[in-house]
Amino acid sequence: GIGDDTRIVIDYITKYLVESGLPEEDAREVAKQNVRAFDVVRD
């Protein structure tokens, strides 16, 4: 859909990686690389 759940997952993974010691900017990039989202073509 609009990707609200997708963004929740990326934020959650980012927080996890920061708490694991990764700088926040790097953590967010890793999170975005590891998450993919799909929706159908629609009009």
PDB file of all heavy atoms in Angstrom:
ATOM      1  N   GLY A   1       0.822  -1.205   0.000  1.00  0.00           N
ATOM      2  CA  GLY A   1       0.000   0.000   0.000  1.00  0.00           C
ATOM      3  C   GLY A   1       0.856   1.255   0.000  1.00  0.00           C
ATOM      4  O   GLY A   1       1.802   1.369  -0.780  1.00  0.00           O
ATOM      5  N   ILE A   2       0.565   2.184   0.892  1.00  0.00           N
ATOM      6  CA  ILE A   2       1.357   3.414   0.962  1.00  0.00           C
ATOM      7  C   ILE A   2       2.722   3.191   1.589  1.00  0.00           C
ATOM      8  O   ILE A   2       3.596   4.055   1.501  1.00  0.00           O
ATOM      9  CB  ILE A   2       0.629   4.533   1.719  1.00  0.00           C
ATOM     10  CG1 ILE A   2       0.415   4.151   3.187  1.00  0.00           C
ATOM     11  CG2 ILE A   2      -0.688   4.875   1.040  1.00  0.00           C
ATOM     12  CD1 ILE A   2      -0.150   5.281   4.032  1.00  0.00           C
ATOM     13  N   GLY A   3       2.901   2.036   2.238  1.00  0.00           N
ATOM     14  CA  GLY A   3       4.205   1.728   2.815  1.00  0.00           C
ATOM     15  C   GLY A   3       4.371   2.136   4.258  1.00  0.00           C
ATOM     16  O   GLY A   3       5.501   2.266   4.732  1.00  0.00           O
ATOM     17  N   ASP A   4       3.276   2.313   4.989  1.00  0.00           N
ATOM     18  CA  ASP A   4       3.418   2.675   6.399  1.00  0.00           C
ATOM     19  C   ASP A   4       4.065   1.551   7.203  1.00  0.00           C
ATOM     20  O   ASP A   4       4.954   1.801   8.036  1.00  0.00           O
ATOM     21  CB  ASP A   4       2.080   3.090   7.010  1.00  0.00           C
ATOM     22  CG  ASP A   4       0.937   2.146   6.661  1.00  0.00           C
ATOM     23  OD1 ASP A   4       1.087   1.325   5.740  1.00  0.00           O
ATOM     24  OD2 ASP A   4      -0.118   2.237   7.308  1.00  0.00           O
ATOM     25  N   ASP A   5       3.655   0.294   6.957  1.00  0.00           N
ATOM     26  CA  ASP A   5       4.292  -0.829   7.649  1.00  0.00           C
ATOM     27  C   ASP A   5       5.765  -0.956   7.249  1.00  0.00           C
ATOM     28  O   ASP A   5       6.621  -1.290   8.077  1.00  0.00           O
ATOM     29  CB  ASP A   5       3.570  -2.135   7.329  1.00  0.00           C
ATOM     30  CG  ASP A   5       2.248  -2.257   8.064  1.00  0.00           C
ATOM     31  OD1 ASP A   5       2.009  -1.469   8.996  1.00  0.00           O
ATOM     32  OD2 ASP A   5       1.445  -3.137   7.704  1.00  0.00           O
ATOM     33  N   THR A   6       6.059  -0.718   5.985  1.00  0.00           N
ATOM     34  CA  THR A   6       7.448  -0.783   5.505  1.00  0.00           C
ATOM     35  C   THR A   6       8.324   0.173   6.299  1.00  0.00           C
ATOM     36  O   THR A   6       9.435  -0.191   6.738  1.00  0.00           O
ATOM     37  CB  THR A   6       7.524  -0.396   4.019  1.00  0.00           C
ATOM     38  OG1 THR A   6       6.534  -1.108   3.287  1.00  0.00           O
ATOM     39  CG2 THR A   6       8.898  -0.700   3.455  1.00  0.00           C
ATOM     40  N   ARG A   7       7.847   1.359   6.499  1.00  0.00           N
ATOM     41  CA  ARG A   7       8.619   2.369   7.236  1.00  0.00           C
ATOM     42  C   ARG A   7       8.765   1.994   8.705  1.00  0.00           C
ATOM     43  O   ARG A   7       9.797   2.264   9.319  1.00  0.00           O
ATOM     44  CB  ARG A   7       7.968   3.739   7.058  1.00  0.00           C
ATOM     45  CG  ARG A   7       8.096   4.266   5.618  1.00  0.00           C
ATOM     46  CD  ARG A   7       7.236   5.495   5.373  1.00  0.00           C
ATOM     47  NE  ARG A   7       7.487   6.097   4.072  1.00  0.00           N
ATOM     48  CZ  ARG A   7       6.887   5.736   2.941  1.00  0.00           C
ATOM     49  NH1 ARG A   7       6.001   4.756   2.951  1.00  0.00           N
ATOM     50  NH2 ARG A   7       7.179   6.340   1.798  1.00  0.00           N
ATOM     51  N   ILE A   8       7.731   1.359   9.273  1.00  0.00           N
ATOM     52  CA  ILE A   8       7.826   0.883  10.655  1.00  0.00           C
ATOM     53  C   ILE A   8       8.941  -0.145  10.778  1.00  0.00           C
ATOM     54  O   ILE A   8       9.737  -0.124  11.722  1.00  0.00           O
ATOM     55  CB  ILE A   8       6.481   0.286  11.117  1.00  0.00           C
ATOM     56  CG1 ILE A   8       5.440   1.399  11.287  1.00  0.00           C
ATOM     57  CG2 ILE A   8       6.652  -0.492  12.422  1.00  0.00           C
ATOM     58  CD1 ILE A   8       4.028   0.883  11.556  1.00  0.00           C
ATOM     59  N   VAL A   9       9.008  -1.066   9.818  1.00  0.00           N
ATOM     60  CA  VAL A   9      10.050  -2.102   9.849  1.00  0.00           C
ATOM     61  C   VAL A   9      11.435  -1.472   9.737  1.00  0.00           C
ATOM     62  O   VAL A   9      12.365  -1.841  10.481  1.00  0.00           O
ATOM     63  CB  VAL A   9       9.832  -3.117   8.712  1.00  0.00           C
ATOM     64  CG1 VAL A   9      11.002  -4.077   8.616  1.00  0.00           C
ATOM     65  CG2 VAL A   9       8.542  -3.889   8.931  1.00  0.00           C
ATOM     66  N   ILE A  10      11.603  -0.537   8.824  1.00  0.00           N
ATOM     67  CA  ILE A  10      12.908   0.108   8.649  1.00  0.00           C
ATOM     68  C   ILE A  10      13.306   0.856   9.914  1.00  0.00           C
ATOM     69  O   ILE A  10      14.463   0.783  10.358  1.00  0.00           O
ATOM     70  CB  ILE A  10      12.874   1.041   7.423  1.00  0.00           C
ATOM     71  CG1 ILE A  10      12.828   0.206   6.138  1.00  0.00           C
ATOM     72  CG2 ILE A  10      14.087   1.972   7.405  1.00  0.00           C
ATOM     73  CD1 ILE A  10      12.655   1.012   4.878  1.00  0.00           C
ATOM     74  N   ASP A  11      12.369   1.562  10.522  1.00  0.00           N
ATOM     75  CA  ASP A  11      12.663   2.266  11.769  1.00  0.00           C
ATOM     76  C   ASP A  11      13.046   1.284  12.878  1.00  0.00           C
ATOM     77  O   ASP A  11      13.964   1.539  13.668  1.00  0.00           O
ATOM     78  CB  ASP A  11      11.453   3.094  12.219  1.00  0.00           C
ATOM     79  CG  ASP A  11      11.210   4.311  11.339  1.00  0.00           C
ATOM     80  OD1 ASP A  11      12.114   4.680  10.558  1.00  0.00           O
ATOM     81  OD2 ASP A  11      10.111   4.888  11.431  1.00  0.00           O
ATOM     82  N   TYR A  12      12.333   0.158  12.932  1.00  0.00           N
ATOM     83  CA  TYR A  12      12.589  -0.837  13.977  1.00  0.00           C
ATOM     84  C   TYR A  12      13.975  -1.455  13.810  1.00  0.00           C
ATOM     85  O   TYR A  12      14.730  -1.616  14.789  1.00  0.00           O
ATOM     86  CB  TYR A  12      11.513  -1.917  13.912  1.00  0.00           C
ATOM     87  CG  TYR A  12      11.572  -2.928  15.025  1.00  0.00           C
ATOM     88  CD1 TYR A  12      10.948  -2.678  16.244  1.00  0.00           C
ATOM     89  CD2 TYR A  12      12.238  -4.138  14.868  1.00  0.00           C
ATOM     90  CE1 TYR A  12      11.003  -3.608  17.277  1.00  0.00           C
ATOM     91  CE2 TYR A  12      12.293  -5.072  15.887  1.00  0.00           C
ATOM     92  CZ  TYR A  12      11.667  -4.800  17.096  1.00  0.00           C
ATOM     93  OH  TYR A  12      11.730  -5.728  18.112  1.00  0.00           O
ATOM     94  N   ILE A  13      14.317  -1.818  12.572  1.00  0.00           N
ATOM     95  CA  ILE A  13      15.632  -2.402  12.323  1.00  0.00           C
ATOM     96  C   ILE A  13      16.735  -1.376  12.593  1.00  0.00           C
ATOM     97  O   ILE A  13      17.787  -1.695  13.152  1.00  0.00           O
ATOM     98  CB  ILE A  13      15.726  -2.944  10.891  1.00  0.00           C
ATOM     99  CG1 ILE A  13      14.747  -4.103  10.703  1.00  0.00           C
ATOM    100  CG2 ILE A  13      17.150  -3.390  10.555  1.00  0.00           C
ATOM    101  CD1 ILE A  13      14.682  -4.630   9.280  1.00  0.00           C
ATOM    102  N   THR A  14      16.506  -0.139  12.182  1.00  0.00           N
ATOM    103  CA  THR A  14      17.482   0.927  12.447  1.00  0.00           C
ATOM    104  C   THR A  14      17.742   1.041  13.935  1.00  0.00           C
ATOM    105  O   THR A  14      18.907   1.119  14.383  1.00  0.00           O
ATOM    106  CB  THR A  14      16.970   2.271  11.896  1.00  0.00           C
ATOM    107  OG1 THR A  14      16.795   2.164  10.477  1.00  0.00           O
ATOM    108  CG2 THR A  14      17.965   3.390  12.189  1.00  0.00           C
ATOM    109  N   LYS A  15      16.695   1.085  14.733  1.00  0.00           N
ATOM    110  CA  LYS A  15      16.836   1.182  16.199  1.00  0.00           C
ATOM    111  C   LYS A  15      17.620  -0.004  16.756  1.00  0.00           C
ATOM    112  O   LYS A  15      18.506   0.151  17.604  1.00  0.00           O
ATOM    113  CB  LYS A  15      15.445   1.254  16.844  1.00  0.00           C
ATOM    114  CG  LYS A  15      15.444   1.411  18.353  1.00  0.00           C
ATOM    115  CD  LYS A  15      14.009   1.599  18.850  1.00  0.00           C
ATOM    116  CE  LYS A  15      13.977   1.771  20.367  1.00  0.00           C
ATOM    117  NZ  LYS A  15      14.298   0.521  21.076  1.00  0.00           N
ATOM    118  N   TYR A  16      17.306  -1.193  16.248  1.00  0.00           N
ATOM    119  CA  TYR A  16      18.018  -2.392  16.695  1.00  0.00           C
ATOM    120  C   TYR A  16      19.514  -2.294  16.396  1.00  0.00           C
ATOM    121  O   TYR A  16      20.358  -2.602  17.249  1.00  0.00           O
ATOM    122  CB  TYR A  16      17.416  -3.618  15.996  1.00  0.00           C
ATOM    123  CG  TYR A  16      18.211  -4.897  16.191  1.00  0.00           C
ATOM    124  CD1 TYR A  16      17.958  -5.729  17.271  1.00  0.00           C
ATOM    125  CD2 TYR A  16      19.211  -5.266  15.290  1.00  0.00           C
ATOM    126  CE1 TYR A  16      18.682  -6.900  17.450  1.00  0.00           C
ATOM    127  CE2 TYR A  16      19.939  -6.435  15.462  1.00  0.00           C
ATOM    128  CZ  TYR A  16      19.670  -7.244  16.542  1.00  0.00           C
ATOM    129  OH  TYR A  16      20.391  -8.396  16.727  1.00  0.00           O
ATOM    130  N   LEU A  17      19.850  -1.853  15.185  1.00  0.00           N
ATOM    131  CA  LEU A  17      21.254  -1.771  14.791  1.00  0.00           C
ATOM    132  C   LEU A  17      21.996  -0.681  15.559  1.00  0.00           C
ATOM    133  O   LEU A  17      23.173  -0.850  15.904  1.00  0.00           O
ATOM    134  CB  LEU A  17      21.349  -1.524  13.277  1.00  0.00           C
ATOM    135  CG  LEU A  17      20.823  -2.656  12.390  1.00  0.00           C
ATOM    136  CD1 LEU A  17      20.829  -2.236  10.930  1.00  0.00           C
ATOM    137  CD2 LEU A  17      21.649  -3.920  12.583  1.00  0.00           C
ATOM    138  N   VAL A  18      21.329   0.420  15.832  1.00  0.00           N
ATOM    139  CA  VAL A  18      21.950   1.482  16.634  1.00  0.00           C
ATOM    140  C   VAL A  18      22.236   0.974  18.040  1.00  0.00           C
ATOM    141  O   VAL A  18      23.323   1.210  18.597  1.00  0.00           O
ATOM    142  CB  VAL A  18      21.039   2.733  16.684  1.00  0.00           C
ATOM    143  CG1 VAL A  18      21.537   3.724  17.732  1.00  0.00           C
ATOM    144  CG2 VAL A  18      20.986   3.399  15.314  1.00  0.00           C
ATOM    145  N   GLU A  19      21.280   0.255  18.611  1.00  0.00           N
ATOM    146  CA  GLU A  19      21.486  -0.315  19.948  1.00  0.00           C
ATOM    147  C   GLU A  19      22.577  -1.377  19.951  1.00  0.00           C
ATOM    148  O   GLU A  19      23.169  -1.664  20.997  1.00  0.00           O
ATOM    149  CB  GLU A  19      20.179  -0.898  20.472  1.00  0.00           C
ATOM    150  CG  GLU A  19      19.130   0.163  20.773  1.00  0.00           C
ATOM    151  CD  GLU A  19      17.799  -0.424  21.175  1.00  0.00           C
ATOM    152  OE1 GLU A  19      17.630  -1.668  21.047  1.00  0.00           O
ATOM    153  OE2 GLU A  19      16.916   0.337  21.624  1.00  0.00           O
ATOM    154  N   SER A  20      22.859  -1.934  18.766  1.00  0.00           N
ATOM    155  CA  SER A  20      23.930  -2.931  18.643  1.00  0.00           C
ATOM    156  C   SER A  20      25.290  -2.284  18.394  1.00  0.00           C
ATOM    157  O   SER A  20      26.296  -2.993  18.275  1.00  0.00           O
ATOM    158  CB  SER A  20      23.610  -3.903  17.503  1.00  0.00           C
ATOM    159  OG  SER A  20      22.393  -4.588  17.739  1.00  0.00           O
ATOM    160  N   GLY A  21      25.319  -0.936  18.274  1.00  0.00           N
ATOM    161  CA  GLY A  21      26.581  -0.230  18.157  1.00  0.00           C
ATOM    162  C   GLY A  21      26.865   0.416  16.818  1.00  0.00           C
ATOM    163  O   GLY A  21      27.916   1.051  16.641  1.00  0.00           O
ATOM    164  N   LEU A  22      25.963   0.289  15.856  1.00  0.00           N
ATOM    165  CA  LEU A  22      26.186   0.877  14.536  1.00  0.00           C
ATOM    166  C   LEU A  22      25.748   2.345  14.541  1.00  0.00           C
ATOM    167  O   LEU A  22      24.717   2.680  15.119  1.00  0.00           O
ATOM    168  CB  LEU A  22      25.383   0.104  13.483  1.00  0.00           C
ATOM    169  CG  LEU A  22      25.855   0.170  12.027  1.00  0.00           C
ATOM    170  CD1 LEU A  22      27.248  -0.423  11.888  1.00  0.00           C
ATOM    171  CD2 LEU A  22      24.876  -0.594  11.121  1.00  0.00           C
ATOM    172  N   PRO A  23      26.534   3.244  13.923  1.00  0.00           N
ATOM    173  CA  PRO A  23      26.103   4.636  13.816  1.00  0.00           C
ATOM    174  C   PRO A  23      24.735   4.727  13.140  1.00  0.00           C
ATOM    175  O   PRO A  23      24.429   3.949  12.240  1.00  0.00           O
ATOM    176  CB  PRO A  23      27.195   5.288  12.961  1.00  0.00           C
ATOM    177  CG  PRO A  23      28.395   4.418  13.170  1.00  0.00           C
ATOM    178  CD  PRO A  23      27.865   3.027  13.334  1.00  0.00           C
ATOM    179  N   GLU A  24      23.934   5.704  13.544  1.00  0.00           N
ATOM    180  CA  GLU A  24      22.548   5.766  13.084  1.00  0.00           C
ATOM    181  C   GLU A  24      22.443   5.878  11.565  1.00  0.00           C
ATOM    182  O   GLU A  24      21.605   5.213  10.950  1.00  0.00           O
ATOM    183  CB  GLU A  24      21.823   6.939  13.741  1.00  0.00           C
ATOM    184  CG  GLU A  24      20.353   7.000  13.367  1.00  0.00           C
ATOM    185  CD  GLU A  24      19.570   7.996  14.189  1.00  0.00           C
ATOM    186  OE1 GLU A  24      20.169   8.624  15.090  1.00  0.00           O
ATOM    187  OE2 GLU A  24      18.366   8.148  13.940  1.00  0.00           O
ATOM    188  N   GLU A  25      23.281   6.694  10.953  1.00  0.00           N
ATOM    189  CA  GLU A  25      23.196   6.850   9.499  1.00  0.00           C
ATOM    190  C   GLU A  25      23.497   5.538   8.790  1.00  0.00           C
ATOM    191  O   GLU A  25      22.806   5.163   7.839  1.00  0.00           O
ATOM    192  CB  GLU A  25      24.168   7.937   9.032  1.00  0.00           C
ATOM    193  CG  GLU A  25      24.077   8.227   7.540  1.00  0.00           C
ATOM    194  CD  GLU A  25      24.961   9.393   7.120  1.00  0.00           C
ATOM    195  OE1 GLU A  25      25.369  10.194   7.989  1.00  0.00           O
ATOM    196  OE2 GLU A  25      25.249   9.487   5.910  1.00  0.00           O
ATOM    197  N   ASP A  26      24.531   4.830   9.256  1.00  0.00           N
ATOM    198  CA  ASP A  26      24.862   3.533   8.673  1.00  0.00           C
ATOM    199  C   ASP A  26      23.756   2.509   8.936  1.00  0.00           C
ATOM    200  O   ASP A  26      23.433   1.691   8.073  1.00  0.00           O
ATOM    201  CB  ASP A  26      26.178   3.016   9.243  1.00  0.00           C
ATOM    202  CG  ASP A  26      27.368   3.890   8.855  1.00  0.00           C
ATOM    203  OD1 ASP A  26      27.240   4.649   7.867  1.00  0.00           O
ATOM    204  OD2 ASP A  26      28.404   3.819   9.530  1.00  0.00           O
ATOM    205  N   ALA A  27      23.201   2.556  10.135  1.00  0.00           N
ATOM    206  CA  ALA A  27      22.150   1.610  10.507  1.00  0.00           C
ATOM    207  C   ALA A  27      20.936   1.765   9.602  1.00  0.00           C
ATOM    208  O   ALA A  27      20.342   0.775   9.159  1.00  0.00           O
ATOM    209  CB  ALA A  27      21.754   1.828  11.966  1.00  0.00           C
ATOM    210  N   ARG A  28      20.583   3.003   9.313  1.00  0.00           N
ATOM    211  CA  ARG A  28      19.406   3.224   8.458  1.00  0.00           C
ATOM    212  C   ARG A  28      19.667   2.741   7.034  1.00  0.00           C
ATOM    213  O   ARG A  28      18.775   2.193   6.379  1.00  0.00           O
ATOM    214  CB  ARG A  28      19.009   4.689   8.472  1.00  0.00           C
ATOM    215  CG  ARG A  28      17.659   4.928   7.803  1.00  0.00           C
ATOM    216  CD  ARG A  28      16.998   6.207   8.247  1.00  0.00           C
ATOM    217  NE  ARG A  28      15.686   6.376   7.635  1.00  0.00           N
ATOM    218  CZ  ARG A  28      14.557   5.850   8.099  1.00  0.00           C
ATOM    219  NH1 ARG A  28      14.592   5.107   9.195  1.00  0.00           N
ATOM    220  NH2 ARG A  28      13.411   6.056   7.493  1.00  0.00           N
ATOM    221  N   GLU A  29      20.870   2.917   6.544  1.00  0.00           N
ATOM    222  CA  GLU A  29      21.191   2.442   5.204  1.00  0.00           C
ATOM    223  C   GLU A  29      21.121   0.924   5.132  1.00  0.00           C
ATOM    224  O   GLU A  29      20.604   0.362   4.163  1.00  0.00           O
ATOM    225  CB  GLU A  29      22.582   2.937   4.787  1.00  0.00           C
ATOM    226  CG  GLU A  29      22.632   4.400   4.425  1.00  0.00           C
ATOM    227  CD  GLU A  29      21.641   4.758   3.321  1.00  0.00           C
ATOM    228  OE1 GLU A  29      21.612   4.041   2.288  1.00  0.00           O
ATOM    229  OE2 GLU A  29      20.888   5.723   3.498  1.00  0.00           O
ATOM    230  N   VAL A  30      21.634   0.252   6.153  1.00  0.00           N
ATOM    231  CA  VAL A  30      21.555  -1.210   6.187  1.00  0.00           C
ATOM    232  C   VAL A  30      20.101  -1.650   6.228  1.00  0.00           C
ATOM    233  O   VAL A  30      19.699  -2.586   5.520  1.00  0.00           O
ATOM    234  CB  VAL A  30      22.320  -1.768   7.411  1.00  0.00           C
ATOM    235  CG1 VAL A  30      22.043  -3.264   7.577  1.00  0.00           C
ATOM    236  CG2 VAL A  30      23.809  -1.522   7.260  1.00  0.00           C
ATOM    237  N   ALA A  31      19.305  -0.981   7.053  1.00  0.00           N
ATOM    238  CA  ALA A  31      17.889  -1.333   7.163  1.00  0.00           C
ATOM    239  C   ALA A  31      17.184  -1.186   5.818  1.00  0.00           C
ATOM    240  O   ALA A  31      16.401  -2.066   5.405  1.00  0.00           O
ATOM    241  CB  ALA A  31      17.215  -0.455   8.216  1.00  0.00           C
ATOM    242  N   LYS A  32      17.446  -0.109   5.114  1.00  0.00           N
ATOM    243  CA  LYS A  32      16.803   0.105   3.812  1.00  0.00           C
ATOM    244  C   LYS A  32      17.270  -0.920   2.784  1.00  0.00           C
ATOM    245  O   LYS A  32      16.497  -1.335   1.908  1.00  0.00           O
ATOM    246  CB  LYS A  32      17.079   1.525   3.317  1.00  0.00           C
ATOM    247  CG  LYS A  32      16.316   2.591   4.084  1.00  0.00           C
ATOM    248  CD  LYS A  32      16.454   3.962   3.452  1.00  0.00           C
ATOM    249  CE  LYS A  32      17.877   4.472   3.511  1.00  0.00           C
ATOM    250  NZ  LYS A  32      17.997   5.844   2.949  1.00  0.00           N
ATOM    251  N   GLN A  33      18.510  -1.354   2.868  1.00  0.00           N
ATOM    252  CA  GLN A  33      19.017  -2.359   1.941  1.00  0.00           C
ATOM    253  C   GLN A  33      18.363  -3.723   2.180  1.00  0.00           C
ATOM    254  O   GLN A  33      18.201  -4.516   1.248  1.00  0.00           O
ATOM    255  CB  GLN A  33      20.531  -2.487   2.080  1.00  0.00           C
ATOM    256  CG  GLN A  33      21.300  -1.281   1.561  1.00  0.00           C
ATOM    257  CD  GLN A  33      22.779  -1.357   1.915  1.00  0.00           C
ATOM    258  OE1 GLN A  33      23.283  -2.391   2.354  1.00  0.00           O
ATOM    259  NE2 GLN A  33      23.481  -0.242   1.762  1.00  0.00           N
ATOM    260  N   ASN A  34      17.976  -3.979   3.437  1.00  0.00           N
ATOM    261  CA  ASN A  34      17.463  -5.293   3.804  1.00  0.00           C
ATOM    262  C   ASN A  34      15.940  -5.401   3.750  1.00  0.00           C
ATOM    263  O   ASN A  34      15.386  -6.464   4.043  1.00  0.00           O
ATOM    264  CB  ASN A  34      17.945  -5.674   5.201  1.00  0.00           C
ATOM    265  CG  ASN A  34      19.427  -5.993   5.221  1.00  0.00           C
ATOM    266  OD1 ASN A  34      20.047  -6.150   4.170  1.00  0.00           O
ATOM    267  ND2 ASN A  34      20.006  -6.077   6.406  1.00  0.00           N
ATOM    268  N   VAL A  35      15.271  -4.315   3.410  1.00  0.00           N
ATOM    269  CA  VAL A  35      13.805  -4.319   3.344  1.00  0.00           C
ATOM    270  C   VAL A  35      13.365  -3.970   1.929  1.00  0.00           C
ATOM    271  O   VAL A  35      13.866  -3.011   1.327  1.00  0.00           O
ATOM    272  CB  VAL A  35      13.201  -3.315   4.346  1.00  0.00           C
ATOM    273  CG1 VAL A  35      11.685  -3.246   4.178  1.00  0.00           C
ATOM    274  CG2 VAL A  35      13.558  -3.703   5.779  1.00  0.00           C
ATOM    275  N   ARG A  36      12.433  -4.751   1.406  1.00  0.00           N
ATOM    276  CA  ARG A  36      11.827  -4.452   0.119  1.00  0.00           C
ATOM    277  C   ARG A  36      10.313  -4.519   0.269  1.00  0.00           C
ATOM    278  O   ARG A  36       9.784  -5.297   1.060  1.00  0.00           O
ATOM    279  CB  ARG A  36      12.295  -5.424  -0.970  1.00  0.00           C
ATOM    280  CG  ARG A  36      13.713  -5.180  -1.436  1.00  0.00           C
ATOM    281  CD  ARG A  36      13.856  -3.845  -2.155  1.00  0.00           C
ATOM    282  NE  ARG A  36      15.233  -3.528  -2.515  1.00  0.00           N
ATOM    283  CZ  ARG A  36      16.074  -2.829  -1.751  1.00  0.00           C
ATOM    284  NH1 ARG A  36      15.681  -2.405  -0.565  1.00  0.00           N
ATOM    285  NH2 ARG A  36      17.287  -2.574  -2.155  1.00  0.00           N
ATOM    286  N   ALA A  37       9.631  -3.694  -0.523  1.00  0.00           N
ATOM    287  CA  ALA A  37       8.171  -3.642  -0.460  1.00  0.00           C
ATOM    288  C   ALA A  37       7.614  -3.646  -1.875  1.00  0.00           C
ATOM    289  O   ALA A  37       8.198  -3.054  -2.785  1.00  0.00           O
ATOM    290  CB  ALA A  37       7.721  -2.392   0.285  1.00  0.00           C
ATOM    291  N   PHE A  38       6.478  -4.309  -2.036  1.00  0.00           N
ATOM    292  CA  PHE A  38       5.876  -4.467  -3.367  1.00  0.00           C
ATOM    293  C   PHE A  38       4.396  -4.157  -3.312  1.00  0.00           C
ATOM    294  O   PHE A  38       3.695  -4.532  -2.364  1.00  0.00           O
ATOM    295  CB  PHE A  38       6.072  -5.905  -3.853  1.00  0.00           C
ATOM    296  CG  PHE A  38       5.453  -6.189  -5.197  1.00  0.00           C
ATOM    297  CD1 PHE A  38       6.213  -6.064  -6.352  1.00  0.00           C
ATOM    298  CD2 PHE A  38       4.115  -6.572  -5.307  1.00  0.00           C
ATOM    299  CE1 PHE A  38       5.648  -6.324  -7.598  1.00  0.00           C
ATOM    300  CE2 PHE A  38       3.543  -6.825  -6.546  1.00  0.00           C
ATOM    301  CZ  PHE A  38       4.310  -6.702  -7.694  1.00  0.00           C
ATOM    302  N   ASP A  39       3.919  -3.482  -4.354  1.00  0.00           N
ATOM    303  CA  ASP A  39       2.480  -3.365  -4.553  1.00  0.00           C
ATOM    304  C   ASP A  39       2.201  -3.408  -6.051  1.00  0.00           C
ATOM    305  O   ASP A  39       3.099  -3.214  -6.868  1.00  0.00           O
ATOM    306  CB  ASP A  39       1.913  -2.094  -3.935  1.00  0.00           C
ATOM    307  CG  ASP A  39       0.469  -2.311  -3.463  1.00  0.00           C
ATOM    308  OD1 ASP A  39      -0.416  -2.484  -4.309  1.00  0.00           O
ATOM    309  OD2 ASP A  39       0.248  -2.316  -2.243  1.00  0.00           O
ATOM    310  N   VAL A  40       0.949  -3.664  -6.365  1.00  0.00           N
ATOM    311  CA  VAL A  40       0.576  -3.862  -7.758  1.00  0.00           C
ATOM    312  C   VAL A  40       0.347  -2.532  -8.467  1.00  0.00           C
ATOM    313  O   VAL A  40       0.050  -1.514  -7.847  1.00  0.00           O
ATOM    314  CB  VAL A  40      -0.697  -4.719  -7.877  1.00  0.00           C
ATOM    315  CG1 VAL A  40      -0.455  -6.103  -7.303  1.00  0.00           C
ATOM    316  CG2 VAL A  40      -1.877  -4.051  -7.162  1.00  0.00           C
ATOM    317  N   VAL A  41       0.504  -2.560  -9.767  1.00  0.00           N
ATOM    318  CA  VAL A  41       0.138  -1.415 -10.596  1.00  0.00           C
ATOM    319  C   VAL A  41      -1.370  -1.250 -10.509  1.00  0.00           C
ATOM    320  O   VAL A  41      -2.126  -2.195 -10.699  1.00  0.00           O
ATOM    321  CB  VAL A  41       0.556  -1.647 -12.065  1.00  0.00           C
ATOM    322  CG1 VAL A  41       0.086  -0.496 -12.935  1.00  0.00           C
ATOM    323  CG2 VAL A  41       2.057  -1.829 -12.164  1.00  0.00           C
ATOM    324  N   ARG A  42      -1.823  -0.046 -10.200  1.00  0.00           N
ATOM    325  CA  ARG A  42      -3.266   0.156 -10.092  1.00  0.00           C
ATOM    326  C   ARG A  42      -3.627   1.579 -10.497  1.00  0.00           C
ATOM    327  O   ARG A  42      -2.825   2.499 -10.356  1.00  0.00           O
ATOM    328  CB  ARG A  42      -3.758  -0.125  -8.672  1.00  0.00           C
ATOM    329  CG  ARG A  42      -3.242   0.852  -7.633  1.00  0.00           C
ATOM    330  CD  ARG A  42      -3.834   0.560  -6.274  1.00  0.00           C
ATOM    331  NE  ARG A  42      -3.095  -0.447  -5.564  1.00  0.00           N
ATOM    332  CZ  ARG A  42      -3.567  -1.133  -4.526  1.00  0.00           C
ATOM    333  NH1 ARG A  42      -4.795  -0.934  -4.123  1.00  0.00           N
ATOM    334  NH2 ARG A  42      -2.818  -2.010  -3.892  1.00  0.00           N
ATOM    335  N   ASP A  43      -4.850   1.722 -10.982  1.00  0.00           N
ATOM    336  CA  ASP A  43      -5.338   3.057 -11.311  1.00  0.00           C
ATOM    337  C   ASP A  43      -6.709   3.321 -10.686  1.00  0.00           C
ATOM    338  O   ASP A  43      -7.336   4.339 -10.952  1.00  0.00           O
ATOM    339  CB  ASP A  43      -5.420   3.265 -12.824  1.00  0.00           C
ATOM    340  CG  ASP A  43      -6.239   2.185 -13.522  1.00  0.00           C
ATOM    341  OD1 ASP A  43      -7.016   1.491 -12.823  1.00  0.00           O
ATOM    342  OD2 ASP A  43      -6.116   2.049 -14.745  1.00  0.00           O
TER     343      ASP A  43
END
